[in-house]
Structure formats: structure tokens, C-alpha cells
Amino acid sequence: MIIEKAASQLEAIGNVTRLQIYRALVRAGEDGLPVGKLQEKLEIPASTLSHHLKRLVDTGLVIQDRQATTLICTANYKHMNALIGYLADECCADAACSKQTDETVA
């Protein structure tokens, strides 16, 4: 993964509203959620949802698919896993990992 792409994706989910949207879509699974149901679930205005979804779609984290008159949003699990892998792949590559306890993780 290119570092610029990872930074763009992390920036996209660095916004509270977009993170809520993304988590709802990840939880929804492969079937995704219709935009209307997502709006209802998160209790945000349609224009706000549209604005934030565009950012998530532009970074590749969300896929939108029109089914007749319904727009279905789905988390792009391939890109999500690539981002997570990018962050974790080189864990401790330059030093030994220290064991973290619940007290050291804040």
C-alpha cells in the first residue's frame, strides 16, 4: 500500500461522523445498508450523510451500489483489510515488541 493512500484513508475515518458511518457499515456486513436506513440509524441529516459518504467512497473505504431506486452502501473489506495490514505488517520490525498490559494501553 502506498503511504499517501493509507494517510488519506486514515484521515477519512479520523472524523467522528465518518467513523460512525464506517463502523455501522462494517457491522452491517456484506449486504451493507441502504442510505435511508443508515441515515435513520445514525440520526444525521441527509446532506451531512451524503457529504461524509462521498469522502469514504473517494478513499475506497466504502462502495455504493444502486439497486433500482435504492443506494446501498457497503464497507470495502478488501481496502479495510489492506489498511489494517499496512499498519500491522511491520509491527516490531525494528525492535522487540514489549508486552502491553491493560494498564499500559490507554
PDB file of N, CA and C in Angstrom:
ATOM      1  N   MET A   1       0.851  -1.181   0.000  1.00  0.00           N
ATOM      2  CA  MET A   1       0.000   0.000   0.000  1.00  0.00           C
ATOM      3  C   MET A   1       0.895   1.241   0.000  1.00  0.00           C
ATOM      4  N   ILE A   2       0.477   2.227  -0.739  1.00  0.00           N
ATOM      5  CA  ILE A   2       1.200   3.494  -0.808  1.00  0.00           C
ATOM      6  C   ILE A   2       0.853   4.322   0.426  1.00  0.00           C
ATOM      7  N   ILE A   3       1.861   4.935   1.013  1.00  0.00           N
ATOM      8  CA  ILE A   3       1.668   5.677   2.259  1.00  0.00           C
ATOM      9  C   ILE A   3       0.645   6.804   2.109  1.00  0.00           C
ATOM     10  N   GLU A   4       0.593   7.444   0.942  1.00  0.00           N
ATOM     11  CA  GLU A   4      -0.373   8.525   0.720  1.00  0.00           C
ATOM     12  C   GLU A   4      -1.809   8.009   0.767  1.00  0.00           C
ATOM     13  N   LYS A   5      -2.032   6.807   0.224  1.00  0.00           N
ATOM     14  CA  LYS A   5      -3.365   6.219   0.252  1.00  0.00           C
ATOM     15  C   LYS A   5      -3.756   5.886   1.683  1.00  0.00           C
ATOM     16  N   ALA A   6      -2.831   5.298   2.434  1.00  0.00           N
ATOM     17  CA  ALA A   6      -3.106   4.970   3.837  1.00  0.00           C
ATOM     18  C   ALA A   6      -3.420   6.238   4.626  1.00  0.00           C
ATOM     19  N   ALA A   7      -2.650   7.292   4.390  1.00  0.00           N
ATOM     20  CA  ALA A   7      -2.875   8.554   5.101  1.00  0.00           C
ATOM     21  C   ALA A   7      -4.250   9.133   4.757  1.00  0.00           C
ATOM     22  N   SER A   8      -4.633   9.055   3.494  1.00  0.00           N
ATOM     23  CA  SER A   8      -5.930   9.566   3.059  1.00  0.00           C
ATOM     24  C   SER A   8      -7.071   8.777   3.708  1.00  0.00           C
ATOM     25  N   GLN A   9      -6.937   7.466   3.763  1.00  0.00           N
ATOM     26  CA  GLN A   9      -7.969   6.634   4.381  1.00  0.00           C
ATOM     27  C   GLN A   9      -8.059   6.888   5.886  1.00  0.00           C
ATOM     28  N   LEU A  10      -6.922   7.007   6.532  1.00  0.00           N
ATOM     29  CA  LEU A  10      -6.920   7.287   7.970  1.00  0.00           C
ATOM     30  C   LEU A  10      -7.503   8.658   8.261  1.00  0.00           C
ATOM     31  N   GLU A  11      -7.199   9.615   7.397  1.00  0.00           N
ATOM     32  CA  GLU A  11      -7.771  10.952   7.555  1.00  0.00           C
ATOM     33  C   GLU A  11      -9.295  10.904   7.406  1.00  0.00           C
ATOM     34  N   ALA A  12      -9.768  10.098   6.453  1.00  0.00           N
ATOM     35  CA  ALA A  12     -11.208   9.993   6.217  1.00  0.00           C
ATOM     36  C   ALA A  12     -11.930   9.439   7.443  1.00  0.00           C
ATOM     37  N   ILE A  13     -11.371   8.439   8.083  1.00  0.00           N
ATOM     38  CA  ILE A  13     -12.037   7.875   9.261  1.00  0.00           C
ATOM     39  C   ILE A  13     -11.625   8.587  10.548  1.00  0.00           C
ATOM     40  N   GLY A  14     -10.819   9.634  10.407  1.00  0.00           N
ATOM     41  CA  GLY A  14     -10.414  10.443  11.552  1.00  0.00           C
ATOM     42  C   GLY A  14     -11.473  11.444  11.982  1.00  0.00           C
ATOM     43  N   ASN A  15     -12.547  11.521  11.238  1.00  0.00           N
ATOM     44  CA  ASN A  15     -13.674  12.394  11.564  1.00  0.00           C
ATOM     45  C   ASN A  15     -14.711  11.563  12.312  1.00  0.00           C
ATOM     46  N   VAL A  16     -15.249  12.087  13.404  1.00  0.00           N
ATOM     47  CA  VAL A  16     -16.184  11.335  14.243  1.00  0.00           C
ATOM     48  C   VAL A  16     -17.387  10.819  13.451  1.00  0.00           C
ATOM     49  N   THR A  17     -17.998  11.670  12.655  1.00  0.00           N
ATOM     50  CA  THR A  17     -19.179  11.256  11.895  1.00  0.00           C
ATOM     51  C   THR A  17     -18.828  10.184  10.875  1.00  0.00           C
ATOM     52  N   ARG A  18     -17.732  10.358  10.158  1.00  0.00           N
ATOM     53  CA  ARG A  18     -17.337   9.356   9.169  1.00  0.00           C
ATOM     54  C   ARG A  18     -16.976   8.039   9.842  1.00  0.00           C
ATOM     55  N   LEU A  19     -16.350   8.091  10.992  1.00  0.00           N
ATOM     56  CA  LEU A  19     -16.027   6.862  11.713  1.00  0.00           C
ATOM     57  C   LEU A  19     -17.307   6.146  12.144  1.00  0.00           C
ATOM     58  N   GLN A  20     -18.308   6.898  12.584  1.00  0.00           N
ATOM     59  CA  GLN A  20     -19.598   6.284  12.946  1.00  0.00           C
ATOM     60  C   GLN A  20     -20.249   5.635  11.732  1.00  0.00           C
ATOM     61  N   ILE A  21     -20.210   6.315  10.607  1.00  0.00           N
ATOM     62  CA  ILE A  21     -20.767   5.772   9.367  1.00  0.00           C
ATOM     63  C   ILE A  21     -20.029   4.494   8.993  1.00  0.00           C
ATOM     64  N   TYR A  22     -18.721   4.562   9.011  1.00  0.00           N
ATOM     65  CA  TYR A  22     -17.902   3.420   8.598  1.00  0.00           C
ATOM     66  C   TYR A  22     -18.111   2.220   9.516  1.00  0.00           C
ATOM     67  N   ARG A  23     -18.148   2.457  10.806  1.00  0.00           N
ATOM     68  CA  ARG A  23     -18.370   1.358  11.756  1.00  0.00           C
ATOM     69  C   ARG A  23     -19.745   0.723  11.543  1.00  0.00           C
ATOM     70  N   ALA A  24     -20.754   1.538  11.272  1.00  0.00           N
ATOM     71  CA  ALA A  24     -22.092   0.999  11.013  1.00  0.00           C
ATOM     72  C   ALA A  24     -22.078   0.112   9.777  1.00  0.00           C
ATOM     73  N   LEU A  25     -21.345   0.530   8.752  1.00  0.00           N
ATOM     74  CA  LEU A  25     -21.269  -0.267   7.524  1.00  0.00           C
ATOM     75  C   LEU A  25     -20.450  -1.537   7.729  1.00  0.00           C
ATOM     76  N   VAL A  26     -19.386  -1.456   8.485  1.00  0.00           N
ATOM     77  CA  VAL A  26     -18.583  -2.649   8.781  1.00  0.00           C
ATOM     78  C   VAL A  26     -19.441  -3.657   9.546  1.00  0.00           C
ATOM     79  N   ARG A  27     -20.211  -3.158  10.516  1.00  0.00           N
ATOM     80  CA  ARG A  27     -21.088  -4.032  11.302  1.00  0.00           C
ATOM     81  C   ARG A  27     -22.206  -4.641  10.456  1.00  0.00           C
ATOM     82  N   ALA A  28     -22.638  -3.941   9.419  1.00  0.00           N
ATOM     83  CA  ALA A  28     -23.743  -4.406   8.577  1.00  0.00           C
ATOM     84  C   ALA A  28     -23.374  -5.629   7.741  1.00  0.00           C
ATOM     85  N   GLY A  29     -22.106  -5.825   7.518  1.00  0.00           N
ATOM     86  CA  GLY A  29     -21.671  -6.983   6.742  1.00  0.00           C
ATOM     87  C   GLY A  29     -21.740  -6.762   5.246  1.00  0.00           C
ATOM     88  N   GLU A  30     -21.640  -7.862   4.522  1.00  0.00           N
ATOM     89  CA  GLU A  30     -21.563  -7.831   3.059  1.00  0.00           C
ATOM     90  C   GLU A  30     -22.812  -7.254   2.397  1.00  0.00           C
ATOM     91  N   ASP A  31     -23.960  -7.320   3.067  1.00  0.00           N
ATOM     92  CA  ASP A  31     -25.194  -6.789   2.486  1.00  0.00           C
ATOM     93  C   ASP A  31     -25.247  -5.270   2.527  1.00  0.00           C
ATOM     94  N   GLY A  32     -24.453  -4.656   3.399  1.00  0.00           N
ATOM     95  CA  GLY A  32     -24.440  -3.209   3.507  1.00  0.00           C
ATOM     96  C   GLY A  32     -25.746  -2.660   4.043  1.00  0.00           C
ATOM     97  N   LEU A  33     -25.939  -1.364   3.855  1.00  0.00           N
ATOM     98  CA  LEU A  33     -27.144  -0.687   4.319  1.00  0.00           C
ATOM     99  C   LEU A  33     -27.615   0.305   3.262  1.00  0.00           C
ATOM    100  N   PRO A  34     -28.921   0.398   3.075  1.00  0.00           N
ATOM    101  CA  PRO A  34     -29.435   1.464   2.218  1.00  0.00           C
ATOM    102  C   PRO A  34     -29.141   2.814   2.880  1.00  0.00           C
ATOM    103  N   VAL A  35     -28.923   3.834   2.076  1.00  0.00           N
ATOM    104  CA  VAL A  35     -28.605   5.158   2.599  1.00  0.00           C
ATOM    105  C   VAL A  35     -29.661   5.628   3.603  1.00  0.00           C
ATOM    106  N   GLY A  36     -30.932   5.415   3.282  1.00  0.00           N
ATOM    107  CA  GLY A  36     -32.002   5.851   4.177  1.00  0.00           C
ATOM    108  C   GLY A  36     -31.941   5.189   5.537  1.00  0.00           C
ATOM    109  N   LYS A  37     -31.647   3.912   5.550  1.00  0.00           N
ATOM    110  CA  LYS A  37     -31.542   3.177   6.813  1.00  0.00           C
ATOM    111  C   LYS A  37     -30.320   3.644   7.605  1.00  0.00           C
ATOM    112  N   LEU A  38     -29.235   3.906   6.900  1.00  0.00           N
ATOM    113  CA  LEU A  38     -28.018   4.410   7.546  1.00  0.00           C
ATOM    114  C   LEU A  38     -28.287   5.776   8.173  1.00  0.00           C
ATOM    115  N   GLN A  39     -28.995   6.623   7.443  1.00  0.00           N
ATOM    116  CA  GLN A  39     -29.340   7.951   7.955  1.00  0.00           C
ATOM    117  C   GLN A  39     -30.213   7.832   9.207  1.00  0.00           C
ATOM    118  N   GLU A  40     -31.176   6.950   9.137  1.00  0.00           N
ATOM    119  CA  GLU A  40     -32.082   6.716  10.272  1.00  0.00           C
ATOM    120  C   GLU A  40     -31.304   6.196  11.486  1.00  0.00           C
ATOM    121  N   LYS A  41     -30.433   5.246  11.243  1.00  0.00           N
ATOM    122  CA  LYS A  41     -29.653   4.616  12.310  1.00  0.00           C
ATOM    123  C   LYS A  41     -28.758   5.629  13.022  1.00  0.00           C
ATOM    124  N   LEU A  42     -28.145   6.514  12.253  1.00  0.00           N
ATOM    125  CA  LEU A  42     -27.190   7.471  12.828  1.00  0.00           C
ATOM    126  C   LEU A  42     -27.821   8.807  13.203  1.00  0.00           C
ATOM    127  N   GLU A  43     -29.067   8.997  12.781  1.00  0.00           N
ATOM    128  CA  GLU A  43     -29.797  10.220  13.084  1.00  0.00           C
ATOM    129  C   GLU A  43     -29.034  11.480  12.665  1.00  0.00           C
ATOM    130  N   ILE A  44     -28.638  11.495  11.385  1.00  0.00           N
ATOM    131  CA  ILE A  44     -27.959  12.670  10.838  1.00  0.00           C
ATOM    132  C   ILE A  44     -28.702  13.122   9.582  1.00  0.00           C
ATOM    133  N   PRO A  45     -28.624  14.412   9.256  1.00  0.00           N
ATOM    134  CA  PRO A  45     -29.303  14.910   8.059  1.00  0.00           C
ATOM    135  C   PRO A  45     -28.763  14.258   6.779  1.00  0.00           C
ATOM    136  N   ALA A  46     -29.629  14.129   5.781  1.00  0.00           N
ATOM    137  CA  ALA A  46     -29.253  13.500   4.509  1.00  0.00           C
ATOM    138  C   ALA A  46     -28.064  14.197   3.858  1.00  0.00           C
ATOM    139  N   SER A  47     -28.041  15.519   3.898  1.00  0.00           N
ATOM    140  CA  SER A  47     -26.938  16.248   3.260  1.00  0.00           C
ATOM    141  C   SER A  47     -25.611  15.986   3.971  1.00  0.00           C
ATOM    142  N   THR A  48     -25.659  15.871   5.280  1.00  0.00           N
ATOM    143  CA  THR A  48     -24.450  15.575   6.057  1.00  0.00           C
ATOM    144  C   THR A  48     -23.955  14.173   5.733  1.00  0.00           C
ATOM    145  N   LEU A  49     -24.880  13.225   5.691  1.00  0.00           N
ATOM    146  CA  LEU A  49     -24.519  11.846   5.368  1.00  0.00           C
ATOM    147  C   LEU A  49     -23.910  11.772   3.979  1.00  0.00           C
ATOM    148  N   SER A  50     -24.533  12.424   3.019  1.00  0.00           N
ATOM    149  CA  SER A  50     -24.043  12.425   1.645  1.00  0.00           C
ATOM    150  C   SER A  50     -22.622  12.971   1.558  1.00  0.00           C
ATOM    151  N   HIS A  51     -22.377  14.075   2.248  1.00  0.00           N
ATOM    152  CA  HIS A  51     -21.053  14.699   2.270  1.00  0.00           C
ATOM    153  C   HIS A  51     -19.997  13.727   2.804  1.00  0.00           C
ATOM    154  N   HIS A  52     -20.294  13.079   3.914  1.00  0.00           N
ATOM    155  CA  HIS A  52     -19.323  12.181   4.540  1.00  0.00           C
ATOM    156  C   HIS A  52     -19.165  10.876   3.762  1.00  0.00           C
ATOM    157  N   LEU A  53     -20.247  10.372   3.198  1.00  0.00           N
ATOM    158  CA  LEU A  53     -20.142   9.161   2.385  1.00  0.00           C
ATOM    159  C   LEU A  53     -19.259   9.390   1.167  1.00  0.00           C
ATOM    160  N   LYS A  54     -19.371  10.560   0.566  1.00  0.00           N
ATOM    161  CA  LYS A  54     -18.537  10.878  -0.600  1.00  0.00           C
ATOM    162  C   LYS A  54     -17.063  10.737  -0.260  1.00  0.00           C
ATOM    163  N   ARG A  55     -16.676  11.232   0.886  1.00  0.00           N
ATOM    164  CA  ARG A  55     -15.268  11.144   1.309  1.00  0.00           C
ATOM    165  C   ARG A  55     -14.842   9.693   1.493  1.00  0.00           C
ATOM    166  N   LEU A  56     -15.713   8.882   2.094  1.00  0.00           N
ATOM    167  CA  LEU A  56     -15.394   7.468   2.307  1.00  0.00           C
ATOM    168  C   LEU A  56     -15.342   6.703   0.990  1.00  0.00           C
ATOM    169  N   VAL A  57     -16.216   7.055   0.057  1.00  0.00           N
ATOM    170  CA  VAL A  57     -16.206   6.431  -1.266  1.00  0.00           C
ATOM    171  C   VAL A  57     -14.944   6.850  -2.025  1.00  0.00           C
ATOM    172  N   ASP A  58     -14.618   8.129  -1.978  1.00  0.00           N
ATOM    173  CA  ASP A  58     -13.437   8.644  -2.688  1.00  0.00           C
ATOM    174  C   ASP A  58     -12.141   7.986  -2.231  1.00  0.00           C
ATOM    175  N   THR A  59     -12.062   7.590  -0.967  1.00  0.00           N
ATOM    176  CA  THR A  59     -10.843   6.949  -0.457  1.00  0.00           C
ATOM    177  C   THR A  59     -10.870   5.430  -0.634  1.00  0.00           C
ATOM    178  N   GLY A  60     -11.984   4.903  -1.147  1.00  0.00           N
ATOM    179  CA  GLY A  60     -12.072   3.472  -1.408  1.00  0.00           C
ATOM    180  C   GLY A  60     -12.525   2.639  -0.228  1.00  0.00           C
ATOM    181  N   LEU A  61     -12.896   3.268   0.865  1.00  0.00           N
ATOM    182  CA  LEU A  61     -13.307   2.510   2.048  1.00  0.00           C
ATOM    183  C   LEU A  61     -14.769   2.052   1.971  1.00  0.00           C
ATOM    184  N   VAL A  62     -15.575   2.722   1.136  1.00  0.00           N
ATOM    185  CA  VAL A  62     -16.988   2.385   1.002  1.00  0.00           C
ATOM    186  C   VAL A  62     -17.329   2.237  -0.482  1.00  0.00           C
ATOM    187  N   ILE A  63     -18.177   1.263  -0.757  1.00  0.00           N
ATOM    188  CA  ILE A  63     -18.683   1.024  -2.115  1.00  0.00           C
ATOM    189  C   ILE A  63     -20.172   1.345  -2.113  1.00  0.00           C
ATOM    190  N   GLN A  64     -20.625   2.020  -3.153  1.00  0.00           N
ATOM    191  CA  GLN A  64     -22.049   2.299  -3.297  1.00  0.00           C
ATOM    192  C   GLN A  64     -22.560   1.579  -4.538  1.00  0.00           C
ATOM    193  N   ASP A  65     -23.742   0.970  -4.390  1.00  0.00           N
ATOM    194  CA  ASP A  65     -24.345   0.222  -5.484  1.00  0.00           C
ATOM    195  C   ASP A  65     -25.820   0.582  -5.564  1.00  0.00           C
ATOM    196  N   ARG A  66     -26.241   1.032  -6.728  1.00  0.00           N
ATOM    197  CA  ARG A  66     -27.646   1.395  -6.904  1.00  0.00           C
ATOM    198  C   ARG A  66     -28.437   0.152  -7.297  1.00  0.00           C
ATOM    199  N   GLN A  67     -29.490  -0.120  -6.517  1.00  0.00           N
ATOM    200  CA  GLN A  67     -30.405  -1.225  -6.810  1.00  0.00           C
ATOM    201  C   GLN A  67     -31.783  -0.605  -6.978  1.00  0.00           C
ATOM    202  N   ALA A  68     -32.182  -0.455  -8.231  1.00  0.00           N
ATOM    203  CA  ALA A  68     -33.417   0.252  -8.598  1.00  0.00           C
ATOM    204  C   ALA A  68     -33.325   1.683  -8.071  1.00  0.00           C
ATOM    205  N   THR A  69     -34.168   2.067  -7.133  1.00  0.00           N
ATOM    206  CA  THR A  69     -34.136   3.439  -6.603  1.00  0.00           C
ATOM    207  C   THR A  69     -33.399   3.537  -5.273  1.00  0.00           C
ATOM    208  N   THR A  70     -32.812   2.430  -4.829  1.00  0.00           N
ATOM    209  CA  THR A  70     -32.139   2.401  -3.533  1.00  0.00           C
ATOM    210  C   THR A  70     -30.630   2.382  -3.708  1.00  0.00           C
ATOM    211  N   LEU A  71     -29.949   3.242  -2.955  1.00  0.00           N
ATOM    212  CA  LEU A  71     -28.489   3.280  -2.971  1.00  0.00           C
ATOM    213  C   LEU A  71     -27.992   2.512  -1.751  1.00  0.00           C
ATOM    214  N   ILE A  72     -27.281   1.414  -2.005  1.00  0.00           N
ATOM    215  CA  ILE A  72     -26.756   0.557  -0.943  1.00  0.00           C
ATOM    216  C   ILE A  72     -25.283   0.882  -0.726  1.00  0.00           C
ATOM    217  N   CYS A  73     -24.916   1.087   0.535  1.00  0.00           N
ATOM    218  CA  CYS A  73     -23.527   1.365   0.896  1.00  0.00           C
ATOM    219  C   CYS A  73     -22.957   0.157   1.623  1.00  0.00           C
ATOM    220  N   THR A  74     -21.749  -0.210   1.250  1.00  0.00           N
ATOM    221  CA  THR A  74     -21.083  -1.360   1.853  1.00  0.00           C
ATOM    222  C   THR A  74     -19.642  -0.993   2.160  1.00  0.00           C
ATOM    223  N   ALA A  75     -19.155  -1.461   3.289  1.00  0.00           N
ATOM    224  CA  ALA A  75     -17.741  -1.282   3.592  1.00  0.00           C
ATOM    225  C   ALA A  75     -16.939  -2.087   2.577  1.00  0.00           C
ATOM    226  N   ASN A  76     -15.863  -1.511   2.086  1.00  0.00           N
ATOM    227  CA  ASN A  76     -14.983  -2.216   1.160  1.00  0.00           C
ATOM    228  C   ASN A  76     -13.976  -2.982   2.014  1.00  0.00           C
ATOM    229  N   TYR A  77     -14.297  -4.237   2.306  1.00  0.00           N
ATOM    230  CA  TYR A  77     -13.483  -5.027   3.223  1.00  0.00           C
ATOM    231  C   TYR A  77     -12.074  -5.276   2.693  1.00  0.00           C
ATOM    232  N   LYS A  78     -11.933  -5.356   1.377  1.00  0.00           N
ATOM    233  CA  LYS A  78     -10.604  -5.552   0.783  1.00  0.00           C
ATOM    234  C   LYS A  78      -9.704  -4.369   1.142  1.00  0.00           C
ATOM    235  N   HIS A  79     -10.226  -3.160   0.993  1.00  0.00           N
ATOM    236  CA  HIS A  79      -9.425  -1.971   1.316  1.00  0.00           C
ATOM    237  C   HIS A  79      -9.239  -1.814   2.821  1.00  0.00           C
ATOM    238  N   MET A  80     -10.258  -2.170   3.593  1.00  0.00           N
ATOM    239  CA  MET A  80     -10.133  -2.108   5.046  1.00  0.00           C
ATOM    240  C   MET A  80      -9.023  -3.047   5.516  1.00  0.00           C
ATOM    241  N   ASN A  81      -9.031  -4.276   5.004  1.00  0.00           N
ATOM    242  CA  ASN A  81      -8.017  -5.248   5.408  1.00  0.00           C
ATOM    243  C   ASN A  81      -6.622  -4.835   4.944  1.00  0.00           C
ATOM    244  N   ALA A  82      -6.547  -4.202   3.781  1.00  0.00           N
ATOM    245  CA  ALA A  82      -5.257  -3.717   3.292  1.00  0.00           C
ATOM    246  C   ALA A  82      -4.715  -2.622   4.213  1.00  0.00           C
ATOM    247  N   LEU A  83      -5.586  -1.726   4.663  1.00  0.00           N
ATOM    248  CA  LEU A  83      -5.162  -0.657   5.568  1.00  0.00           C
ATOM    249  C   LEU A  83      -4.718  -1.224   6.913  1.00  0.00           C
ATOM    250  N   ILE A  84      -5.497  -2.135   7.454  1.00  0.00           N
ATOM    251  CA  ILE A  84      -5.136  -2.761   8.726  1.00  0.00           C
ATOM    252  C   ILE A  84      -3.820  -3.518   8.583  1.00  0.00           C
ATOM    253  N   GLY A  85      -3.685  -4.240   7.486  1.00  0.00           N
ATOM    254  CA  GLY A  85      -2.441  -4.969   7.228  1.00  0.00           C
ATOM    255  C   GLY A  85      -1.254  -4.044   7.105  1.00  0.00           C
ATOM    256  N   TYR A  86      -1.446  -2.932   6.420  1.00  0.00           N
ATOM    257  CA  TYR A  86      -0.374  -1.946   6.269  1.00  0.00           C
ATOM    258  C   TYR A  86       0.105  -1.447   7.623  1.00  0.00           C
ATOM    259  N   LEU A  87      -0.837  -1.236   8.522  1.00  0.00           N
ATOM    260  CA  LEU A  87      -0.483  -0.738   9.856  1.00  0.00           C
ATOM    261  C   LEU A  87       0.188  -1.811  10.708  1.00  0.00           C
ATOM    262  N   ALA A  88      -0.186  -3.061  10.512  1.00  0.00           N
ATOM    263  CA  ALA A  88       0.297  -4.124  11.387  1.00  0.00           C
ATOM    264  C   ALA A  88       1.433  -4.963  10.803  1.00  0.00           C
ATOM    265  N   ASP A  89       1.609  -4.950   9.501  1.00  0.00           N
ATOM    266  CA  ASP A  89       2.577  -5.839   8.853  1.00  0.00           C
ATOM    267  C   ASP A  89       3.998  -5.744   9.400  1.00  0.00           C
ATOM    268  N   GLU A  90       4.426  -4.576   9.711  1.00  0.00           N
ATOM    269  CA  GLU A  90       5.807  -4.422  10.150  1.00  0.00           C
ATOM    270  C   GLU A  90       5.926  -4.174  11.640  1.00  0.00           C
ATOM    271  N   CYS A  91       4.935  -4.651  12.370  1.00  0.00           N
ATOM    272  CA  CYS A  91       4.958  -4.483  13.820  1.00  0.00           C
ATOM    273  C   CYS A  91       6.267  -5.043  14.374  1.00  0.00           C
ATOM    274  N   CYS A  92       6.937  -4.227  15.105  1.00  0.00           N
ATOM    275  CA  CYS A  92       8.171  -4.611  15.802  1.00  0.00           C
ATOM    276  C   CYS A  92       9.308  -4.998  14.857  1.00  0.00           C
ATOM    277  N   ALA A  93       9.266  -4.535  13.619  1.00  0.00           N
ATOM    278  CA  ALA A  93      10.308  -4.882  12.653  1.00  0.00           C
ATOM    279  C   ALA A  93      11.671  -4.361  13.080  1.00  0.00           C
ATOM    280  N   ASP A  94      11.700  -3.249  13.769  1.00  0.00           N
ATOM    281  CA  ASP A  94      12.969  -2.653  14.166  1.00  0.00           C
ATOM    282  C   ASP A  94      13.308  -2.859  15.635  1.00  0.00           C
ATOM    283  N   ALA A  95      12.404  -3.435  16.401  1.00  0.00           N
ATOM    284  CA  ALA A  95      12.650  -3.655  17.827  1.00  0.00           C
ATOM    285  C   ALA A  95      11.726  -4.750  18.325  1.00  0.00           C
ATOM    286  N   ALA A  96      12.098  -5.335  19.407  1.00  0.00           N
ATOM    287  CA  ALA A  96      11.262  -6.370  20.000  1.00  0.00           C
ATOM    288  C   ALA A  96       9.999  -5.738  20.572  1.00  0.00           C
ATOM    289  N   CYS A  97       8.855  -6.391  20.355  1.00  0.00           N
ATOM    290  CA  CYS A  97       7.602  -5.893  20.916  1.00  0.00           C
ATOM    291  C   CYS A  97       7.616  -6.086  22.420  1.00  0.00           C
ATOM    292  N   SER A  98       7.163  -5.079  23.111  1.00  0.00           N
ATOM    293  CA  SER A  98       7.048  -5.225  24.554  1.00  0.00           C
ATOM    294  C   SER A  98       5.630  -5.706  24.855  1.00  0.00           C
ATOM    295  N   LYS A  99       5.497  -6.463  25.912  1.00  0.00           N
ATOM    296  CA  LYS A  99       4.167  -6.936  26.290  1.00  0.00           C
ATOM    297  C   LYS A  99       3.430  -5.790  26.933  1.00  0.00           C
ATOM    298  N   GLN A 100       2.207  -5.534  26.435  1.00  0.00           N
ATOM    299  CA  GLN A 100       1.390  -4.461  26.986  1.00  0.00           C
ATOM    300  C   GLN A 100       0.322  -5.060  27.881  1.00  0.00           C
ATOM    301  N   THR A 101       0.109  -4.422  28.998  1.00  0.00           N
ATOM    302  CA  THR A 101      -0.977  -4.836  29.874  1.00  0.00           C
ATOM    303  C   THR A 101      -2.121  -3.864  29.678  1.00  0.00           C
ATOM    304  N   ASP A 102      -3.267  -4.188  30.249  1.00  0.00           N
ATOM    305  CA  ASP A 102      -4.421  -3.294  30.161  1.00  0.00           C
ATOM    306  C   ASP A 102      -4.100  -1.944  30.743  1.00  0.00           C
ATOM    307  N   GLU A 103      -3.212  -1.875  31.704  1.00  0.00           N
ATOM    308  CA  GLU A 103      -2.874  -0.615  32.356  1.00  0.00           C
ATOM    309  C   GLU A 103      -2.021   0.270  31.458  1.00  0.00           C
ATOM    310  N   THR A 104      -1.231  -0.335  30.547  1.00  0.00           N
ATOM    311  CA  THR A 104      -0.363   0.476  29.697  1.00  0.00           C
ATOM    312  C   THR A 104      -1.057   0.948  28.440  1.00  0.00           C
ATOM    313  N   VAL A 105      -2.173   0.350  28.118  1.00  0.00           N
ATOM    314  CA  VAL A 105      -2.937   0.753  26.936  1.00  0.00           C
ATOM    315  C   VAL A 105      -4.009   1.727  27.386  1.00  0.00           C
ATOM    316  N   ALA A 106      -3.933   2.947  26.869  1.00  0.00           N
ATOM    317  CA  ALA A 106      -4.912   3.953  27.278  1.00  0.00           C
ATOM    318  C   ALA A 106      -5.893   4.235  26.187  1.00  0.00           C
TER     319      ALA A 106
END
